[in-house]
Amino acid sequence: MGCRPNHGLALCVLVGNGGHIVGIGMSGVRMRRFGELEAVIMDRLWEWGRPVLVREVVDDLRADRAVAYTTVMTVMENLYRKGWLRRERDSRAWRYEPTGSHSGYTAALMNDALATSSDRRTALAHFALQMSPHDATLLREALDQALGEPKAGESR
């Protein structure tokens, strides 16, 4: 993650192994959680992993709820304007896809939650104590990777 300070704020860009951006956020600015319909739409788009038409999303959502085409179109347009979706023309319609990963969004939410604490060390300790052994192992592996530590049995 690279962060550049700018008048007390920092724009942070999470870059995946392939060099593509997987998340964008601003430290010093709280990231809002998605609204209920935004979250449902983003979950579908992350799950599908391809550019989709508003019509496809509407048809899929209608299996679970009554939703108007214009409502979904407005929410997806708002997600586009907020930077969560990118779009490209497909004849007269737009195809939308997420600009970042679901895991990048989750990480940004966790970072924002941590930023609310005046004692980050204690907050992190409490977080770690609440983890399952499996999640603690995953966190340890992620930290080792982030810090460039070799895995057990590997040499540098």
C-alpha atoms as a PDB file:
ATOM      1  CA  MET A   1       0.000   0.000   0.000  1.00  0.00           C
ATOM      2  CA  GLY A   2       1.393   3.396  -0.907  1.00  0.00           C
ATOM      3  CA  CYS A   3       0.173   6.538   0.873  1.00  0.00           C
ATOM      4  CA  ARG A   4       1.112  10.110   0.041  1.00  0.00           C
ATOM      5  CA  PRO A   5       0.462  12.756   2.726  1.00  0.00           C
ATOM      6  CA  ASN A   6      -1.425  15.845   1.574  1.00  0.00           C
ATOM      7  CA  HIS A   7      -2.515  18.408   4.167  1.00  0.00           C
ATOM      8  CA  GLY A   8      -3.137  15.820   6.875  1.00  0.00           C
ATOM      9  CA  LEU A   9      -4.866  13.381   4.544  1.00  0.00           C
ATOM     10  CA  ALA A  10      -3.362  10.527   2.598  1.00  0.00           C
ATOM     11  CA  LEU A  11      -4.611   8.814  -0.546  1.00  0.00           C
ATOM     12  CA  CYS A  12      -3.919   5.103  -0.191  1.00  0.00           C
ATOM     13  CA  VAL A  13      -3.839   2.708  -3.110  1.00  0.00           C
ATOM     14  CA  LEU A  14      -3.809  -1.073  -2.545  1.00  0.00           C
ATOM     15  CA  VAL A  15      -2.015  -2.828  -5.397  1.00  0.00           C
ATOM     16  CA  GLY A  16      -2.405  -6.572  -5.974  1.00  0.00           C
ATOM     17  CA  ASN A  17       0.318  -9.011  -6.971  1.00  0.00           C
ATOM     18  CA  GLY A  18      -0.492  -8.488 -10.652  1.00  0.00           C
ATOM     19  CA  GLY A  19       0.178  -4.764 -10.314  1.00  0.00           C
ATOM     20  CA  HIS A  20      -3.496  -3.829 -10.611  1.00  0.00           C
ATOM     21  CA  ILE A  21      -5.291  -1.589  -8.122  1.00  0.00           C
ATOM     22  CA  VAL A  22      -7.425  -3.594  -5.704  1.00  0.00           C
ATOM     23  CA  GLY A  23      -8.544  -0.810  -3.389  1.00  0.00           C
ATOM     24  CA  ILE A  24      -8.444   2.926  -2.937  1.00  0.00           C
ATOM     25  CA  GLY A  25      -9.117   4.922   0.190  1.00  0.00           C
ATOM     26  CA  MET A  26      -8.183   8.041   2.066  1.00  0.00           C
ATOM     27  CA  SER A  27      -6.708   7.969   5.513  1.00  0.00           C
ATOM     28  CA  GLY A  28      -8.184  10.692   7.654  1.00  0.00           C
ATOM     29  CA  VAL A  29     -11.488  10.291   5.832  1.00  0.00           C
ATOM     30  CA  ARG A  30     -13.918   7.637   7.017  1.00  0.00           C
ATOM     31  CA  MET A  31     -15.005   5.276   4.294  1.00  0.00           C
ATOM     32  CA  ARG A  32     -18.748   4.742   4.405  1.00  0.00           C
ATOM     33  CA  ARG A  33     -20.063   1.218   4.345  1.00  0.00           C
ATOM     34  CA  PHE A  34     -22.242   0.375   1.386  1.00  0.00           C
ATOM     35  CA  GLY A  35     -25.963   0.816   1.752  1.00  0.00           C
ATOM     36  CA  GLU A  36     -28.044  -2.377   1.700  1.00  0.00           C
ATOM     37  CA  LEU A  37     -28.778  -2.387  -2.055  1.00  0.00           C
ATOM     38  CA  GLU A  38     -25.265  -1.157  -2.887  1.00  0.00           C
ATOM     39  CA  ALA A  39     -23.820  -4.084  -0.907  1.00  0.00           C
ATOM     40  CA  VAL A  40     -26.062  -6.618  -2.648  1.00  0.00           C
ATOM     41  CA  ILE A  41     -25.137  -5.256  -6.073  1.00  0.00           C
ATOM     42  CA  MET A  42     -21.404  -5.130  -5.303  1.00  0.00           C
ATOM     43  CA  ASP A  43     -21.501  -8.693  -3.922  1.00  0.00           C
ATOM     44  CA  ARG A  44     -23.109  -9.891  -7.169  1.00  0.00           C
ATOM     45  CA  LEU A  45     -20.548  -8.077  -9.319  1.00  0.00           C
ATOM     46  CA  TRP A  46     -17.598  -9.385  -7.291  1.00  0.00           C
ATOM     47  CA  GLU A  47     -19.043 -12.892  -7.471  1.00  0.00           C
ATOM     48  CA  TRP A  48     -19.595 -12.765 -11.240  1.00  0.00           C
ATOM     49  CA  GLY A  49     -16.166 -11.263 -11.977  1.00  0.00           C
ATOM     50  CA  ARG A  50     -17.109  -9.810 -15.359  1.00  0.00           C
ATOM     51  CA  PRO A  51     -18.639  -6.609 -16.761  1.00  0.00           C
ATOM     52  CA  VAL A  52     -22.449  -6.724 -16.570  1.00  0.00           C
ATOM     53  CA  LEU A  53     -25.437  -4.790 -17.831  1.00  0.00           C
ATOM     54  CA  VAL A  54     -27.887  -3.200 -15.406  1.00  0.00           C
ATOM     55  CA  ARG A  55     -30.537  -5.526 -16.904  1.00  0.00           C
ATOM     56  CA  GLU A  56     -28.548  -8.606 -15.788  1.00  0.00           C
ATOM     57  CA  VAL A  57     -28.345  -7.297 -12.232  1.00  0.00           C
ATOM     58  CA  VAL A  58     -32.063  -6.430 -12.185  1.00  0.00           C
ATOM     59  CA  ASP A  59     -33.041  -9.874 -13.476  1.00  0.00           C
ATOM     60  CA  ASP A  60     -30.863 -11.564 -10.843  1.00  0.00           C
ATOM     61  CA  LEU A  61     -32.147  -9.379  -7.993  1.00  0.00           C
ATOM     62  CA  ARG A  62     -35.773  -9.970  -8.946  1.00  0.00           C
ATOM     63  CA  ALA A  63     -35.372 -13.616  -7.908  1.00  0.00           C
ATOM     64  CA  ASP A  64     -35.117 -12.330  -4.306  1.00  0.00           C
ATOM     65  CA  ARG A  65     -37.017  -9.020  -4.260  1.00  0.00           C
ATOM     66  CA  ALA A  66     -39.174  -6.628  -6.226  1.00  0.00           C
ATOM     67  CA  VAL A  67     -36.829  -3.965  -7.565  1.00  0.00           C
ATOM     68  CA  ALA A  68     -37.277  -1.396 -10.314  1.00  0.00           C
ATOM     69  CA  TYR A  69     -34.830  -1.176 -13.202  1.00  0.00           C
ATOM     70  CA  THR A  70     -34.432   2.567 -12.591  1.00  0.00           C
ATOM     71  CA  THR A  71     -33.562   1.959  -8.918  1.00  0.00           C
ATOM     72  CA  VAL A  72     -30.752  -0.461  -9.807  1.00  0.00           C
ATOM     73  CA  MET A  73     -29.566   1.820 -12.618  1.00  0.00           C
ATOM     74  CA  THR A  74     -29.405   4.781 -10.199  1.00  0.00           C
ATOM     75  CA  VAL A  75     -27.527   2.793  -7.537  1.00  0.00           C
ATOM     76  CA  MET A  76     -25.015   1.508 -10.103  1.00  0.00           C
ATOM     77  CA  GLU A  77     -24.550   5.035 -11.499  1.00  0.00           C
ATOM     78  CA  ASN A  78     -23.943   6.285  -7.945  1.00  0.00           C
ATOM     79  CA  LEU A  79     -21.398   3.492  -7.348  1.00  0.00           C
ATOM     80  CA  TYR A  80     -19.704   4.530 -10.605  1.00  0.00           C
ATOM     81  CA  ARG A  81     -19.576   8.207  -9.535  1.00  0.00           C
ATOM     82  CA  LYS A  82     -18.166   7.180  -6.124  1.00  0.00           C
ATOM     83  CA  GLY A  83     -15.383   5.245  -7.883  1.00  0.00           C
ATOM     84  CA  TRP A  84     -16.495   1.719  -6.909  1.00  0.00           C
ATOM     85  CA  LEU A  85     -17.476   0.755 -10.467  1.00  0.00           C
ATOM     86  CA  ARG A  86     -16.027   1.422 -13.895  1.00  0.00           C
ATOM     87  CA  ARG A  87     -18.104   1.201 -17.035  1.00  0.00           C
ATOM     88  CA  GLU A  88     -17.815   0.868 -20.766  1.00  0.00           C
ATOM     89  CA  ARG A  89     -20.355   1.332 -23.531  1.00  0.00           C
ATOM     90  CA  ASP A  90     -22.083  -1.692 -24.988  1.00  0.00           C
ATOM     91  CA  SER A  91     -24.283  -0.348 -27.768  1.00  0.00           C
ATOM     92  CA  ARG A  92     -26.763   1.964 -25.975  1.00  0.00           C
ATOM     93  CA  ALA A  93     -26.170   0.488 -22.515  1.00  0.00           C
ATOM     94  CA  TRP A  94     -23.280   0.445 -20.051  1.00  0.00           C
ATOM     95  CA  ARG A  95     -21.413  -2.584 -18.752  1.00  0.00           C
ATOM     96  CA  TYR A  96     -20.242  -2.132 -15.177  1.00  0.00           C
ATOM     97  CA  GLU A  97     -17.550  -3.914 -13.174  1.00  0.00           C
ATOM     98  CA  PRO A  98     -15.913  -3.262  -9.787  1.00  0.00           C
ATOM     99  CA  THR A  99     -12.775  -1.137  -9.685  1.00  0.00           C
ATOM    100  CA  GLY A 100     -11.382  -3.123  -6.741  1.00  0.00           C
ATOM    101  CA  SER A 101     -11.722  -6.466  -5.019  1.00  0.00           C
ATOM    102  CA  HIS A 102     -14.095  -7.483  -2.262  1.00  0.00           C
ATOM    103  CA  SER A 103     -11.118  -8.279  -0.041  1.00  0.00           C
ATOM    104  CA  GLY A 104      -9.663  -4.812  -0.705  1.00  0.00           C
ATOM    105  CA  TYR A 105     -12.977  -3.244   0.380  1.00  0.00           C
ATOM    106  CA  THR A 106     -13.025  -5.391   3.524  1.00  0.00           C
ATOM    107  CA  ALA A 107      -9.434  -4.418   4.341  1.00  0.00           C
ATOM    108  CA  ALA A 108     -10.270  -0.720   3.945  1.00  0.00           C
ATOM    109  CA  LEU A 109     -13.218  -1.107   6.348  1.00  0.00           C
ATOM    110  CA  MET A 110     -10.962  -2.840   8.877  1.00  0.00           C
ATOM    111  CA  ASN A 111      -8.389  -0.061   8.527  1.00  0.00           C
ATOM    112  CA  ASP A 112     -11.077   2.570   9.087  1.00  0.00           C
ATOM    113  CA  ALA A 113     -12.299   0.745  12.190  1.00  0.00           C
ATOM    114  CA  LEU A 114      -8.734   0.646  13.527  1.00  0.00           C
ATOM    115  CA  ALA A 115      -8.341   4.360  12.836  1.00  0.00           C
ATOM    116  CA  THR A 116     -11.135   5.123  15.327  1.00  0.00           C
ATOM    117  CA  SER A 117      -8.949   3.878  18.203  1.00  0.00           C
ATOM    118  CA  SER A 118      -6.605   6.194  20.055  1.00  0.00           C
ATOM    119  CA  ASP A 119      -4.642   3.093  21.173  1.00  0.00           C
ATOM    120  CA  ARG A 120      -3.957   1.065  18.042  1.00  0.00           C
ATOM    121  CA  ARG A 121      -1.697  -1.427  19.849  1.00  0.00           C
ATOM    122  CA  THR A 122      -4.443  -2.405  22.312  1.00  0.00           C
ATOM    123  CA  ALA A 123      -7.116  -2.447  19.591  1.00  0.00           C
ATOM    124  CA  LEU A 124      -4.963  -4.787  17.484  1.00  0.00           C
ATOM    125  CA  ALA A 125      -4.311  -7.006  20.519  1.00  0.00           C
ATOM    126  CA  HIS A 126      -8.045  -7.289  21.195  1.00  0.00           C
ATOM    127  CA  PHE A 127      -8.665  -8.031  17.529  1.00  0.00           C
ATOM    128  CA  ALA A 128      -6.047 -10.785  17.510  1.00  0.00           C
ATOM    129  CA  LEU A 129      -7.423 -12.324  20.726  1.00  0.00           C
ATOM    130  CA  GLN A 130     -10.883 -12.585  19.145  1.00  0.00           C
ATOM    131  CA  MET A 131      -9.568 -14.462  16.088  1.00  0.00           C
ATOM    132  CA  SER A 132      -9.950 -18.148  15.504  1.00  0.00           C
ATOM    133  CA  PRO A 133      -6.655 -20.068  15.326  1.00  0.00           C
ATOM    134  CA  HIS A 134      -7.220 -20.443  11.574  1.00  0.00           C
ATOM    135  CA  ASP A 135      -7.681 -16.683  11.059  1.00  0.00           C
ATOM    136  CA  ALA A 136      -4.638 -15.977  13.262  1.00  0.00           C
ATOM    137  CA  THR A 137      -2.563 -18.249  11.017  1.00  0.00           C
ATOM    138  CA  LEU A 138      -3.862 -16.449   7.929  1.00  0.00           C
ATOM    139  CA  LEU A 139      -3.005 -13.081   9.494  1.00  0.00           C
ATOM    140  CA  ARG A 140       0.494 -14.292  10.401  1.00  0.00           C
ATOM    141  CA  GLU A 141       1.029 -15.457   6.800  1.00  0.00           C
ATOM    142  CA  ALA A 142      -0.231 -12.124   5.442  1.00  0.00           C
ATOM    143  CA  LEU A 143       2.095 -10.206   7.774  1.00  0.00           C
ATOM    144  CA  ASP A 144       5.042 -12.409   6.789  1.00  0.00           C
ATOM    145  CA  GLN A 145       4.287 -11.760   3.124  1.00  0.00           C
ATOM    146  CA  ALA A 146       3.855  -8.018   3.667  1.00  0.00           C
ATOM    147  CA  LEU A 147       7.126  -7.817   5.613  1.00  0.00           C
ATOM    148  CA  GLY A 148       8.985 -10.061   3.164  1.00  0.00           C
ATOM    149  CA  GLU A 149       9.610 -12.798   5.745  1.00  0.00           C
ATOM    150  CA  PRO A 150      10.339 -16.281   4.364  1.00  0.00           C
ATOM    151  CA  LYS A 151       7.889 -19.069   5.145  1.00  0.00           C
ATOM    152  CA  ALA A 152       9.003 -21.931   7.393  1.00  0.00           C
ATOM    153  CA  GLY A 153      11.543 -24.045   5.515  1.00  0.00           C
ATOM    154  CA  GLU A 154      12.206 -21.323   2.893  1.00  0.00           C
ATOM    155  CA  SER A 155      15.363 -19.291   2.535  1.00  0.00           C
ATOM    156  CA  ARG A 156      15.579 -15.699   1.392  1.00  0.00           C
END
